[in-house]
Amino acid sequence: MKKEGIIKIILIIAILLVIAGICFVGYGIFQKLTKKIPNPIATIEVQDYGTIKVELYPNQAPNTVTNFIALANRGFYNGLTFHRTIPGFMIQGGDKNGDGTGSPTLDDLLGNGNTSVYSIEGEMIANNYTKNKIKMEEGVIAMARSDYTSISSSLTEESYNSAGSQFFIMHKDNTALNGLYTGFGKVIEGMDVVDAIANVEVTYRSSELAEGEEAPKGEDGNTLTADMPINKPVITKITVETFGVNYGMPNTVEPFNYYNYLMQLYGSSLSE
């Protein structure tokens, strides 16, 4: 074979190898761009009750999902309880105080020794966040938050941005909550566990009890609902499978200080 022919063959082989390499790289890029990353799955193990698996929705509530995963990864929820249960409504947990008054600290989130409490902004329609279309249907997990509008109707933004670590799981549909709370996932396994927890024996919270009063009344005169489990179901641990995705750390905000607000509003009359 002539020298020119050999050179041509070598050039053709080289060109084919380059084309093959380009195709290989291109296919790899195409796979990365088109590969569907599974949503993270949270596994909530509840002592003596069983396991609840929840699919989280970072595409609809990204910062809320990030916050939940970050706290779970640090073991924050391990050993906490479901402290509020109402059949036909929801079960609520994730409070470090175990009574609905607790807030997480930056140390709980970051392990940096900073004991300042924090909140996250509400990712729901009422807070002008329109990407979250999750409705408060059976099995939906959402963030619990404070409601400061009982103090002043102007404190809506402070109320919407007061979530921290507490969450609730809907036992049944409740359309009245749609758009007012940040839903961030839904139960895919273990609704029987949610049902069992929702129907535990409950009593009134100690702060609601009135001596000699059989049916405690709220400030508005309405009968209060017994919603504190006598034996609070314990969250053994919460783990989250992220399928290799690092969700990082959430954006946090300084929580509303309602005591300082009241002091500024009413002044010294509160301290007398």
Protein backbone atom coordinates (compact mmCIF):
# COMPACT_ATOMS: atom_id res chain seq x y z
CA MET A 1 0.00 0.00 0.00
CA LYS A 2 1.28 3.42 -0.89
CA LYS A 3 2.29 5.88 1.78
CA GLU A 4 -0.45 8.34 0.74
CA GLY A 5 -3.09 5.65 1.19
CA ILE A 6 -1.88 4.81 4.71
CA ILE A 7 -1.96 8.49 5.68
CA LYS A 8 -5.55 8.79 4.41
CA ILE A 9 -6.62 5.75 6.42
CA ILE A 10 -4.96 7.17 9.54
CA LEU A 11 -6.68 10.52 9.01
CA ILE A 12 -10.06 8.84 8.56
CA ILE A 13 -9.57 6.79 11.73
CA ALA A 14 -8.52 9.92 13.61
CA ILE A 15 -11.58 11.83 12.38
CA LEU A 16 -13.86 8.94 13.36
CA LEU A 17 -12.29 8.83 16.84
CA VAL A 18 -12.82 12.59 17.26
CA ILE A 19 -16.45 12.28 16.15
CA ALA A 20 -16.97 9.34 18.50
CA GLY A 21 -15.45 11.35 21.37
CA ILE A 22 -17.67 14.33 20.64
CA CYS A 23 -20.73 12.07 20.53
CA PHE A 24 -19.74 10.43 23.84
CA VAL A 25 -19.27 13.75 25.59
CA GLY A 26 -22.45 15.12 24.05
CA TYR A 27 -24.41 12.09 25.18
CA GLY A 28 -23.09 12.49 28.70
CA ILE A 29 -24.14 16.14 28.77
CA PHE A 30 -27.53 15.22 27.33
CA GLN A 31 -28.03 12.60 30.05
CA LYS A 32 -27.19 15.10 32.78
CA LEU A 33 -29.54 17.69 31.33
CA THR A 34 -32.44 15.29 30.84
CA LYS A 35 -31.96 12.98 33.84
CA LYS A 36 -34.82 13.37 36.28
CA ILE A 37 -33.54 13.71 39.83
CA PRO A 38 -35.93 12.01 42.28
CA ASN A 39 -37.49 14.15 44.97
CA PRO A 40 -35.98 13.60 48.44
CA ILE A 41 -37.75 11.05 50.62
CA ALA A 42 -38.04 11.65 54.38
CA THR A 43 -38.44 8.63 56.65
CA ILE A 44 -40.10 9.44 59.98
CA GLU A 45 -39.78 6.60 62.47
CA VAL A 46 -42.25 6.81 65.36
CA GLN A 47 -41.71 4.63 68.43
CA ASP A 48 -44.39 1.94 68.84
CA TYR A 49 -46.33 3.26 65.85
CA GLY A 50 -44.29 2.59 62.73
CA THR A 51 -42.79 4.50 59.83
CA ILE A 52 -44.08 7.39 57.75
CA LYS A 53 -42.42 8.09 54.41
CA VAL A 54 -42.84 11.54 52.91
CA GLU A 55 -41.89 12.73 49.44
CA LEU A 56 -40.58 16.30 49.69
CA TYR A 57 -41.16 18.89 46.95
CA PRO A 58 -38.11 21.18 46.56
CA ASN A 59 -39.48 22.52 43.28
CA GLN A 60 -42.41 24.11 45.14
CA ALA A 61 -40.93 25.00 48.54
CA PRO A 62 -37.13 24.91 48.10
CA ASN A 63 -36.06 26.80 51.22
CA THR A 64 -38.53 24.96 53.44
CA VAL A 65 -37.34 21.58 52.15
CA THR A 66 -33.73 22.65 52.65
CA ASN A 67 -34.45 23.68 56.25
CA PHE A 68 -36.21 20.40 57.03
CA ILE A 69 -33.39 18.32 55.52
CA ALA A 70 -30.69 20.33 57.30
CA LEU A 71 -32.35 19.87 60.70
CA ALA A 72 -32.98 16.17 60.05
CA ASN A 73 -29.34 15.64 59.00
CA ARG A 74 -28.18 17.09 62.32
CA GLY A 75 -30.47 14.74 64.24
CA PHE A 76 -32.58 17.63 65.53
CA TYR A 77 -35.86 15.74 65.34
CA ASN A 78 -34.59 12.55 66.94
CA GLY A 79 -36.37 12.00 70.26
CA LEU A 80 -38.90 14.82 69.82
CA THR A 81 -42.63 14.16 69.87
CA PHE A 82 -45.97 14.75 68.23
CA HIS A 83 -47.30 17.17 70.81
CA ARG A 84 -50.60 18.13 69.16
CA THR A 85 -53.06 15.75 67.53
CA ILE A 86 -56.58 16.40 66.26
CA PRO A 87 -58.40 13.58 64.45
CA GLY A 88 -59.89 14.67 61.16
CA PHE A 89 -57.44 17.58 61.07
CA MET A 90 -53.72 17.04 61.61
CA ILE A 91 -50.84 15.82 63.79
CA GLN A 92 -48.09 18.27 64.77
CA GLY A 93 -44.52 17.65 65.94
CA GLY A 94 -40.93 18.83 65.77
CA ASP A 95 -40.96 21.13 68.81
CA LYS A 96 -37.89 20.89 71.05
CA ASN A 97 -39.98 21.99 74.07
CA GLY A 98 -42.64 19.40 73.37
CA ASP A 99 -45.55 21.78 73.93
CA GLY A 100 -45.69 24.00 70.85
CA THR A 101 -43.62 26.86 72.29
CA GLY A 102 -40.17 25.87 71.04
CA SER A 103 -38.08 27.36 68.24
CA PRO A 104 -34.87 26.04 66.69
CA THR A 105 -31.59 27.87 67.11
CA LEU A 106 -28.82 28.54 64.62
CA ASP A 107 -26.76 26.04 66.60
CA ASP A 108 -29.44 23.39 65.98
CA LEU A 109 -29.12 24.16 62.29
CA LEU A 110 -25.40 24.80 61.88
CA GLY A 111 -23.72 23.46 65.00
CA ASN A 112 -21.92 26.78 65.43
CA GLY A 113 -22.73 27.44 69.08
CA ASN A 114 -25.06 30.33 68.22
CA THR A 115 -28.11 30.00 70.47
CA SER A 116 -30.13 32.68 68.65
CA VAL A 117 -33.49 31.36 67.48
CA TYR A 118 -34.36 31.66 63.80
CA SER A 119 -37.30 31.45 61.43
CA ILE A 120 -37.75 30.94 57.70
CA GLU A 121 -39.97 32.84 55.30
CA GLY A 122 -43.26 31.25 54.38
CA GLU A 123 -43.37 29.88 50.86
CA MET A 124 -47.12 30.15 50.30
CA ILE A 125 -49.54 32.24 48.29
CA ALA A 126 -50.64 34.38 51.25
CA ASN A 127 -47.02 35.51 51.59
CA ASN A 128 -46.81 36.50 47.90
CA TYR A 129 -44.98 33.29 46.97
CA THR A 130 -46.86 31.94 43.96
CA LYS A 131 -44.77 28.87 43.02
CA ASN A 132 -46.25 26.69 45.76
CA LYS A 133 -49.54 25.14 44.62
CA ILE A 134 -49.73 22.44 47.31
CA LYS A 135 -53.20 22.14 48.83
CA MET A 136 -53.78 21.08 52.41
CA GLU A 137 -54.98 17.60 51.53
CA GLU A 138 -54.75 14.34 53.47
CA GLY A 139 -51.10 13.35 53.90
CA VAL A 140 -49.60 16.74 53.08
CA ILE A 141 -46.76 17.85 55.37
CA ALA A 142 -46.57 21.58 56.09
CA MET A 143 -44.78 23.98 58.40
CA ALA A 144 -46.50 25.13 61.57
CA ARG A 145 -46.20 28.82 62.35
CA SER A 146 -47.36 31.45 64.80
CA ASP A 147 -50.39 33.67 64.31
CA TYR A 148 -49.73 37.14 65.67
CA THR A 149 -52.84 38.62 64.10
CA SER A 150 -54.66 37.97 67.38
CA ILE A 151 -52.46 40.76 68.76
CA SER A 152 -52.85 43.00 65.73
CA SER A 153 -54.37 42.41 62.32
CA SER A 154 -51.35 44.20 60.82
CA LEU A 155 -48.95 41.42 61.85
CA THR A 156 -49.65 39.15 58.89
CA GLU A 157 -46.12 39.23 57.47
CA GLU A 158 -44.64 38.46 60.89
CA SER A 159 -47.03 35.52 61.19
CA TYR A 160 -46.29 34.13 57.73
CA ASN A 161 -42.52 34.26 58.33
CA SER A 162 -42.49 32.56 61.74
CA ALA A 163 -41.95 28.87 60.87
CA GLY A 164 -38.90 27.16 62.32
CA SER A 165 -38.84 23.41 62.97
CA GLN A 166 -42.42 22.46 63.81
CA PHE A 167 -44.39 20.67 61.12
CA PHE A 168 -47.79 19.07 60.79
CA ILE A 169 -49.19 16.27 58.66
CA MET A 170 -52.76 16.57 57.45
CA HIS A 171 -55.00 13.75 58.68
CA LYS A 172 -57.82 14.85 56.37
CA ASP A 173 -58.37 17.55 53.73
CA ASN A 174 -58.84 21.11 54.98
CA THR A 175 -59.41 23.68 52.24
CA ALA A 176 -59.52 26.55 54.76
CA LEU A 177 -55.74 26.25 55.15
CA ASN A 178 -54.92 26.38 51.43
CA GLY A 179 -52.37 29.07 50.65
CA LEU A 180 -51.96 30.05 54.30
CA TYR A 181 -49.33 27.48 55.30
CA THR A 182 -46.25 26.16 53.52
CA GLY A 183 -46.90 22.65 52.30
CA PHE A 184 -43.64 20.99 51.27
CA GLY A 185 -44.34 17.30 50.72
CA LYS A 186 -46.80 14.45 50.99
CA VAL A 187 -46.99 11.06 52.68
CA ILE A 188 -46.35 8.19 50.26
CA GLU A 189 -46.30 5.41 52.88
CA GLY A 190 -47.63 5.16 56.42
CA MET A 191 -50.96 7.01 56.44
CA ASP A 192 -52.10 4.23 58.79
CA VAL A 193 -49.45 5.49 61.22
CA VAL A 194 -50.71 9.08 60.82
CA ASP A 195 -54.23 7.81 61.48
CA ALA A 196 -53.14 5.98 64.64
CA ILE A 197 -51.32 9.05 65.96
CA ALA A 198 -54.26 11.32 65.15
CA ASN A 199 -56.52 9.15 67.31
CA VAL A 200 -54.40 8.89 70.47
CA GLU A 201 -55.97 9.79 73.80
CA VAL A 202 -55.59 13.51 74.45
CA THR A 203 -56.08 16.10 77.16
CA TYR A 204 -56.03 19.90 77.42
CA ARG A 205 -52.71 21.70 77.47
CA SER A 206 -51.83 22.86 80.98
CA SER A 207 -51.89 26.51 79.93
CA GLU A 208 -55.54 26.09 78.90
CA LEU A 209 -56.79 24.43 82.08
CA ALA A 210 -58.99 26.38 84.43
CA GLU A 211 -59.47 25.12 87.97
CA GLY A 212 -62.85 23.51 88.39
CA GLU A 213 -63.78 24.03 84.75
CA GLU A 214 -64.86 20.86 83.00
CA ALA A 215 -64.71 22.28 79.46
CA PRO A 216 -61.99 24.98 79.33
CA LYS A 217 -62.87 28.14 77.46
CA GLY A 218 -60.68 30.25 75.21
CA GLU A 219 -60.46 34.04 75.36
CA ASP A 220 -63.28 34.24 72.84
CA GLY A 221 -65.51 32.13 75.09
CA ASN A 222 -65.49 29.10 72.80
CA THR A 223 -64.75 25.66 74.17
CA LEU A 224 -61.14 24.70 73.65
CA THR A 225 -60.14 21.50 71.92
CA ALA A 226 -58.27 18.81 73.82
CA ASP A 227 -55.29 18.21 71.54
CA MET A 228 -52.28 17.23 73.67
CA PRO A 229 -51.57 13.47 73.72
CA ILE A 230 -51.48 12.04 77.22
CA ASN A 231 -48.62 9.83 76.00
CA LYS A 232 -46.93 11.81 73.26
CA PRO A 233 -45.78 9.68 70.31
CA VAL A 234 -41.98 9.84 70.10
CA ILE A 235 -40.14 10.50 66.84
CA THR A 236 -37.28 8.02 67.07
CA LYS A 237 -35.51 9.66 64.14
CA ILE A 238 -35.99 11.37 60.81
CA THR A 239 -33.66 10.62 57.92
CA VAL A 240 -33.81 11.97 54.37
CA GLU A 241 -32.67 10.23 51.19
CA THR A 242 -31.55 13.01 48.83
CA PHE A 243 -30.27 10.75 46.02
CA GLY A 244 -26.89 12.45 46.01
CA VAL A 245 -28.16 16.03 45.91
CA ASN A 246 -26.69 18.48 48.42
CA TYR A 247 -29.47 20.87 49.39
CA GLY A 248 -27.16 23.07 51.45
CA MET A 249 -28.44 25.39 54.16
CA PRO A 250 -31.64 27.45 54.24
CA ASN A 251 -31.99 31.20 54.24
CA THR A 252 -33.07 32.27 57.72
CA VAL A 253 -34.67 35.39 59.17
CA GLU A 254 -34.74 36.87 62.65
CA PRO A 255 -38.04 35.90 64.30
CA PHE A 256 -40.60 38.46 65.35
CA ASN A 257 -40.23 39.37 69.02
CA TYR A 258 -43.85 39.74 70.14
CA TYR A 259 -42.86 40.58 73.72
CA ASN A 260 -40.85 43.61 72.58
CA TYR A 261 -43.72 44.54 70.29
CA LEU A 262 -46.18 44.46 73.18
CA MET A 263 -43.84 46.47 75.38
CA GLN A 264 -43.55 49.15 72.69
CA LEU A 265 -47.27 49.08 72.08
CA TYR A 266 -48.49 49.21 75.66
CA GLY A 267 -45.42 50.45 77.48
CA SER A 268 -44.99 50.19 81.22
CA SER A 269 -48.58 49.06 81.86
CA LEU A 270 -47.53 45.49 81.01
CA SER A 271 -44.77 45.41 83.62
CA GLU A 272 -46.90 46.73 86.47
